[in-house]
Structures are given as C-alpha cells and as structure tokens.
Protein backbone atom coordinates (compact mmCIF):
# COMPACT_ATOMS: atom_id res chain seq x y z
CA UNK A 1 -16.12 -11.93 30.02
CA UNK A 2 -13.47 -13.33 27.71
CA UNK A 3 -10.89 -10.87 26.35
CA UNK A 4 -11.62 -9.68 22.82
CA UNK A 5 -8.97 -10.81 20.36
CA UNK A 6 -7.83 -8.52 17.54
CA UNK A 7 -5.98 -9.95 14.54
CA UNK A 8 -3.98 -7.54 12.38
CA UNK A 9 -3.22 -8.80 8.88
CA UNK A 10 -0.61 -7.83 6.27
CA UNK A 11 1.26 -9.37 3.34
CA UNK A 12 4.75 -9.76 1.89
CA UNK A 13 5.48 -11.36 -1.47
CA UNK A 14 7.50 -11.66 -4.64
CA UNK A 15 6.93 -13.45 -7.95
CA UNK A 16 7.54 -16.87 -6.40
CA UNK A 17 6.15 -16.79 -2.86
CA UNK A 18 3.13 -14.94 -1.46
CA UNK A 19 2.64 -14.67 2.29
CA UNK A 20 -0.09 -13.18 4.44
CA UNK A 21 0.45 -13.03 8.19
CA UNK A 22 -1.69 -12.28 11.22
CA UNK A 23 -0.57 -10.87 14.56
CA UNK A 24 -3.11 -11.75 17.26
CA UNK A 25 -3.50 -10.46 20.81
CA UNK A 26 -6.22 -9.10 23.06
CA UNK A 27 -7.01 -5.42 23.58
CA UNK A 28 -4.88 -4.97 26.71
CA UNK A 29 -1.90 -6.65 25.04
CA UNK A 30 -2.17 -4.32 22.05
CA UNK A 31 -2.34 -1.35 24.40
CA UNK A 32 0.82 -2.60 26.10
CA UNK A 33 2.58 -2.95 22.73
CA UNK A 34 1.53 0.56 21.72
CA UNK A 35 3.23 1.97 24.82
CA UNK A 36 6.37 -0.06 24.16
CA UNK A 37 6.43 1.24 20.57
CA UNK A 38 6.23 4.82 21.86
CA UNK A 39 9.25 4.18 24.06
CA UNK A 40 11.24 2.56 21.23
CA UNK A 41 10.35 5.39 18.85
CA UNK A 42 11.50 8.03 21.32
CA UNK A 43 14.73 6.22 22.14
CA UNK A 44 15.55 5.82 18.45
CA UNK A 45 14.76 9.48 17.83
CA UNK A 46 17.14 10.48 20.61
CA UNK A 47 19.91 8.27 19.23
CA UNK A 48 19.53 8.78 15.48
CA UNK A 49 17.42 11.88 14.93
CA UNK A 50 14.48 10.01 13.44
CA UNK A 51 10.85 11.02 13.87
CA UNK A 52 9.68 9.62 17.21
CA UNK A 53 6.31 8.79 15.64
CA UNK A 54 7.75 7.15 12.51
CA UNK A 55 5.95 4.02 11.35
CA UNK A 56 7.75 0.76 12.04
CA UNK A 57 7.98 -0.66 8.52
CA UNK A 58 10.17 -3.68 7.87
CA UNK A 59 11.34 -2.90 4.33
CA UNK A 60 12.14 0.73 5.13
CA UNK A 61 13.99 -0.03 8.35
CA UNK A 62 16.20 -2.69 6.76
CA UNK A 63 16.79 -0.56 3.68
CA UNK A 64 17.30 2.77 5.45
CA UNK A 65 14.52 4.34 3.39
CA UNK A 66 11.63 6.74 3.92
CA UNK A 67 11.27 7.83 7.52
CA UNK A 68 14.22 5.59 8.39
CA UNK A 69 16.73 7.15 5.96
CA UNK A 70 18.91 8.10 8.96
CA UNK A 71 19.68 4.37 9.31
CA UNK A 72 20.91 3.96 5.73
CA UNK A 73 24.18 2.06 5.83
CA UNK A 74 23.88 1.52 9.60
CA UNK A 75 23.10 -2.17 9.39
CA UNK A 76 23.84 -2.99 13.01
CA UNK A 77 21.65 -0.16 14.28
CA UNK A 78 18.81 -1.11 11.92
CA UNK A 79 18.98 -4.73 13.05
CA UNK A 80 19.01 -3.59 16.67
CA UNK A 81 15.89 -1.49 16.14
CA UNK A 82 14.18 -4.36 14.34
CA UNK A 83 15.06 -6.71 17.18
CA UNK A 84 13.71 -4.26 19.77
CA UNK A 85 10.39 -3.97 17.92
CA UNK A 86 10.01 -7.76 17.66
CA UNK A 87 10.96 -8.23 21.32
CA UNK A 88 8.32 -5.68 22.29
CA UNK A 89 5.68 -7.77 20.51
CA UNK A 90 7.02 -10.85 22.26
CA UNK A 91 6.84 -9.08 25.63
CA UNK A 92 3.27 -8.00 24.97
CA UNK A 93 2.23 -11.57 24.16
CA UNK A 94 1.53 -11.23 20.44
CA UNK A 95 1.10 -14.52 18.54
CA UNK A 96 1.58 -15.03 14.79
CA UNK A 97 -0.04 -17.07 12.03
CA UNK A 98 1.52 -17.25 8.55
CA UNK A 99 -0.01 -18.69 5.39
CA UNK A 100 1.70 -18.70 2.01
CA UNK A 101 1.59 -20.18 -1.47
CA UNK A 102 4.14 -21.05 -4.14
CA UNK A 103 2.90 -18.75 -6.91
CA UNK A 104 4.55 -20.54 -9.82
CA UNK A 105 3.14 -23.92 -8.77
CA UNK A 106 -0.30 -22.36 -8.26
CA UNK A 107 -0.28 -20.95 -11.79
CA UNK A 108 1.05 -24.20 -13.26
CA UNK A 109 -1.46 -26.48 -11.56
CA UNK A 110 -4.68 -24.64 -12.40
CA UNK A 111 -5.91 -23.56 -15.81
CA UNK A 112 -7.69 -20.56 -14.27
CA UNK A 113 -5.85 -19.96 -10.98
CA UNK A 114 -7.18 -17.59 -8.36
CA UNK A 115 -5.09 -14.58 -7.40
CA UNK A 116 -2.42 -15.56 -4.84
CA UNK A 117 -3.72 -13.03 -2.32
CA UNK A 118 -7.25 -14.44 -2.57
CA UNK A 119 -6.02 -17.98 -1.95
CA UNK A 120 -3.70 -17.16 0.94
CA UNK A 121 -6.06 -14.67 2.60
CA UNK A 122 -8.80 -17.33 2.62
CA UNK A 123 -6.43 -19.86 4.18
CA UNK A 124 -5.37 -17.32 6.80
CA UNK A 125 -8.97 -16.44 7.69
CA UNK A 126 -9.64 -20.14 8.24
CA UNK A 127 -6.69 -20.36 10.61
CA UNK A 128 -7.66 -17.17 12.47
CA UNK A 129 -11.13 -18.68 12.92
CA UNK A 130 -9.64 -21.92 14.27
CA UNK A 131 -7.25 -20.07 16.59
CA UNK A 132 -10.11 -17.98 18.00
CA UNK A 133 -12.26 -21.04 18.59
CA UNK A 134 -9.47 -22.48 20.72
CA UNK A 135 -8.23 -19.35 22.48
CA UNK A 136 -10.96 -16.72 22.28
CA UNK A 137 -13.60 -18.22 24.52
CA UNK A 138 -17.08 -17.12 23.48
CA UNK A 139 -15.89 -13.94 21.80
CA UNK A 140 -15.36 -13.34 18.09
CA UNK A 141 -12.05 -12.03 16.79
CA UNK A 142 -11.89 -8.62 15.14
CA UNK A 143 -9.81 -8.68 11.93
CA UNK A 144 -8.03 -5.51 10.81
CA UNK A 145 -6.21 -5.43 7.47
CA UNK A 146 -4.04 -2.79 5.85
CA UNK A 147 -5.88 -0.45 3.53
CA UNK A 148 -5.55 -1.70 -0.04
CA UNK A 149 -7.16 -0.77 -3.35
CA UNK A 150 -9.18 -4.00 -3.41
CA UNK A 151 -10.51 -3.80 0.15
CA UNK A 152 -14.14 -3.72 -1.06
CA UNK A 153 -13.54 -6.86 -3.12
CA UNK A 154 -12.07 -8.70 -0.14
CA UNK A 155 -14.96 -7.55 2.03
CA UNK A 156 -17.37 -9.09 -0.48
CA UNK A 157 -15.36 -12.33 -0.51
CA UNK A 158 -15.41 -12.49 3.28
CA UNK A 159 -19.20 -12.03 3.26
CA UNK A 160 -19.53 -14.89 0.78
CA UNK A 161 -17.35 -17.12 2.97
CA UNK A 162 -19.61 -16.50 5.95
CA UNK A 163 -22.72 -17.13 3.88
CA UNK A 164 -21.61 -20.15 1.87
CA UNK A 165 -18.32 -21.36 3.34
CA UNK A 166 -14.71 -21.14 2.22
CA UNK A 167 -14.80 -24.33 0.15
CA UNK A 168 -11.91 -26.76 -0.06
CA UNK A 169 -11.55 -29.97 1.90
CA UNK A 170 -12.18 -28.26 5.26
CA UNK A 171 -14.83 -25.62 4.49
CA UNK A 172 -15.58 -23.02 7.14
CA UNK A 173 -18.10 -20.21 7.52
CA UNK A 174 -15.68 -18.31 9.74
CA UNK A 175 -18.22 -18.07 12.53
CA UNK A 176 -15.60 -16.95 15.06
CA UNK A 177 -14.66 -13.86 13.02
CA UNK A 178 -16.62 -10.65 13.58
CA UNK A 179 -18.08 -9.07 10.44
CA UNK A 180 -17.16 -6.92 8.66
CA UNK A 181 -13.41 -7.01 8.20
CA UNK A 182 -11.91 -3.66 9.18
CA UNK A 183 -9.34 -1.71 7.18
CA UNK A 184 -6.97 0.84 8.66
CA UNK A 185 -3.97 3.06 7.88
CA UNK A 186 -0.84 1.26 9.04
CA UNK A 187 0.90 4.55 9.88
CA UNK A 188 -1.69 5.11 12.61
CA UNK A 189 -2.09 1.48 13.70
CA UNK A 190 0.63 -0.19 15.79
CA UNK A 191 -0.94 -3.62 15.30
CA UNK A 192 -0.52 -3.36 11.53
CA UNK A 193 3.08 -2.25 12.02
CA UNK A 194 3.64 -5.28 14.21
CA UNK A 195 2.41 -7.75 11.59
CA UNK A 196 4.28 -5.90 8.81
CA UNK A 197 7.54 -6.32 10.69
CA UNK A 198 6.85 -10.03 11.26
CA UNK A 199 5.61 -11.06 7.82
CA UNK A 200 8.45 -9.19 6.10
CA UNK A 201 11.05 -11.24 7.98
CA UNK A 202 9.04 -14.45 7.53
CA UNK A 203 9.05 -13.85 3.79
CA UNK A 204 12.79 -13.14 3.75
CA UNK A 205 13.49 -16.25 5.80
CA UNK A 206 11.69 -18.39 3.23
CA UNK A 207 12.36 -16.60 -0.06
CA UNK A 208 15.76 -14.92 0.00
CA UNK A 209 18.71 -17.11 -0.91
CA UNK A 210 22.45 -16.50 -1.18
CA UNK A 211 22.52 -13.55 1.19
CA UNK A 212 25.82 -12.28 2.54
CA UNK A 213 26.58 -14.37 5.64
CA UNK A 214 26.12 -11.37 7.94
CA UNK A 215 22.77 -10.53 6.37
CA UNK A 216 21.70 -14.17 6.65
CA UNK A 217 22.68 -14.20 10.32
CA UNK A 218 20.51 -11.12 10.94
CA UNK A 219 17.56 -12.68 9.12
CA UNK A 220 17.95 -15.91 11.09
CA UNK A 221 18.16 -14.06 14.40
CA UNK A 222 15.08 -11.94 13.70
CA UNK A 223 13.13 -14.92 12.37
CA UNK A 224 13.85 -16.81 15.57
CA UNK A 225 12.31 -13.98 17.60
CA UNK A 226 9.16 -14.26 15.49
CA UNK A 227 8.92 -18.03 15.51
CA UNK A 228 9.11 -18.18 19.30
CA UNK A 229 5.64 -16.63 19.22
CA UNK A 230 4.30 -18.32 16.08
CA UNK A 231 1.25 -20.53 16.48
CA UNK A 232 1.19 -21.78 12.89
CA UNK A 233 3.07 -21.33 9.63
CA UNK A 234 2.50 -23.01 6.29
CA UNK A 235 3.49 -22.59 2.66
CA UNK A 236 1.05 -24.33 0.32
CA UNK A 237 2.77 -26.12 -2.56
CA UNK A 238 -0.09 -26.87 -5.03
C-alpha cells in the first residue's frame, strides 16, 4: 500500500502579496516531525523558560510575542529556534508548495476580481493534486487547513471544483485530493505549525524590502532552508 500523504495548508499576506503554502509528507514523516518538535520545545523551555508545548508560530517567534515573549529582543536565539524548527521539517522529509498573487495587479486587471485567498487557494489545490498524482501512488492526499471564519465557504468551493472543475486554462477536478477538506486548530497540529513557519518566511523573502542587513541575512538563511525542500513556488502576476 502506498503511504498516505497529508498536506497542511496556511497563508501569509499583506496588501500587495498574498501567499498560501502547503507542507506535504506522509503519516510516518509527520509523526517523526512531531517527536522532533517535542524535543525542540523542551530544549527551548530549558534554555529560555518558555512553555514546552508552545505553538511554533513564525510571526510570534520572530517578534518575541505571545508564548514566545521570553525571546523578545533576543534575535539570535529566535533565529536559532526558527532554524531548528525548519531543519526538523527538512530532516523529516517535508516538502513545500507555495502559490501567490500580486494583489494590486489582480484588482487592477479585473473589473470584479475574486478574493486573493480564493484565487491562490485554488491554484494551490491544483498543485497539490498534481504533486499527489506524481508522488502519492494510488492514494489520495488529505488536505488540512487552519481553522478560519470562512472554512464553510472554502469547503463549498472545493466541492464545486471536484464537481465542475477549477476552470482556467488547465482545469482540474482535483481527483487526487480526498474530500472533504479538513480544518484543525494550529495550536494542536504540528503540521499546521510547520507550514506556518515556512509560508511566513517565504512571504518575507518575497515581500519585505530594505531590511537591516542582519535581518536580511537571517531571512535569506531561513529561506534557503525552506527552498531546499520546495517542490514548487510561484507568484502570479495578472
């Protein structure tokens, strides 16, 4: 039997660029990553007094906020933790897909533009479907997204895609994706934490300009860890 792939999905965006990423691995690989996360959480707790079960959240770690307030102002330590989390995903064999859109160009090109998330999420689902067809054998991929207020709306859209196709110049019915899409609490789901950490840095690498040289060096170093395991990345410029 082929291993069952699980794709965890999350987003990172600003007014100009909207990205949705997927972190894909099989069940055993996700179990391996979960154990590595436990070890990293405990080590960080021993060193900095943080909660050993704190959620790995890119924005909070880099900003020293929320459960990671103990790292506020400790930029080297925060970057070290971030690097350890990304290396754990690399060790476990996690692969990434990133799809994005230039929001301003989207809104300028179309009289009645779709919401950026709708556009990019559709593109990402198409790529997850393609990836699974090539790497998942006869199994369908399970997609798990972060809980959001519009989860029911996106579930309906996914159902329509499977019934009628995604449209566009390469329409797909997403036959390699298991229905329905699942939604979970990221605080309790290491796979969602993994994709959050990746898509946050991917967004920074593409959107943030004129950083302090040290901050830029950190972003570049973390992005390189992600891109070593990236299967596909694209930013659509309508």
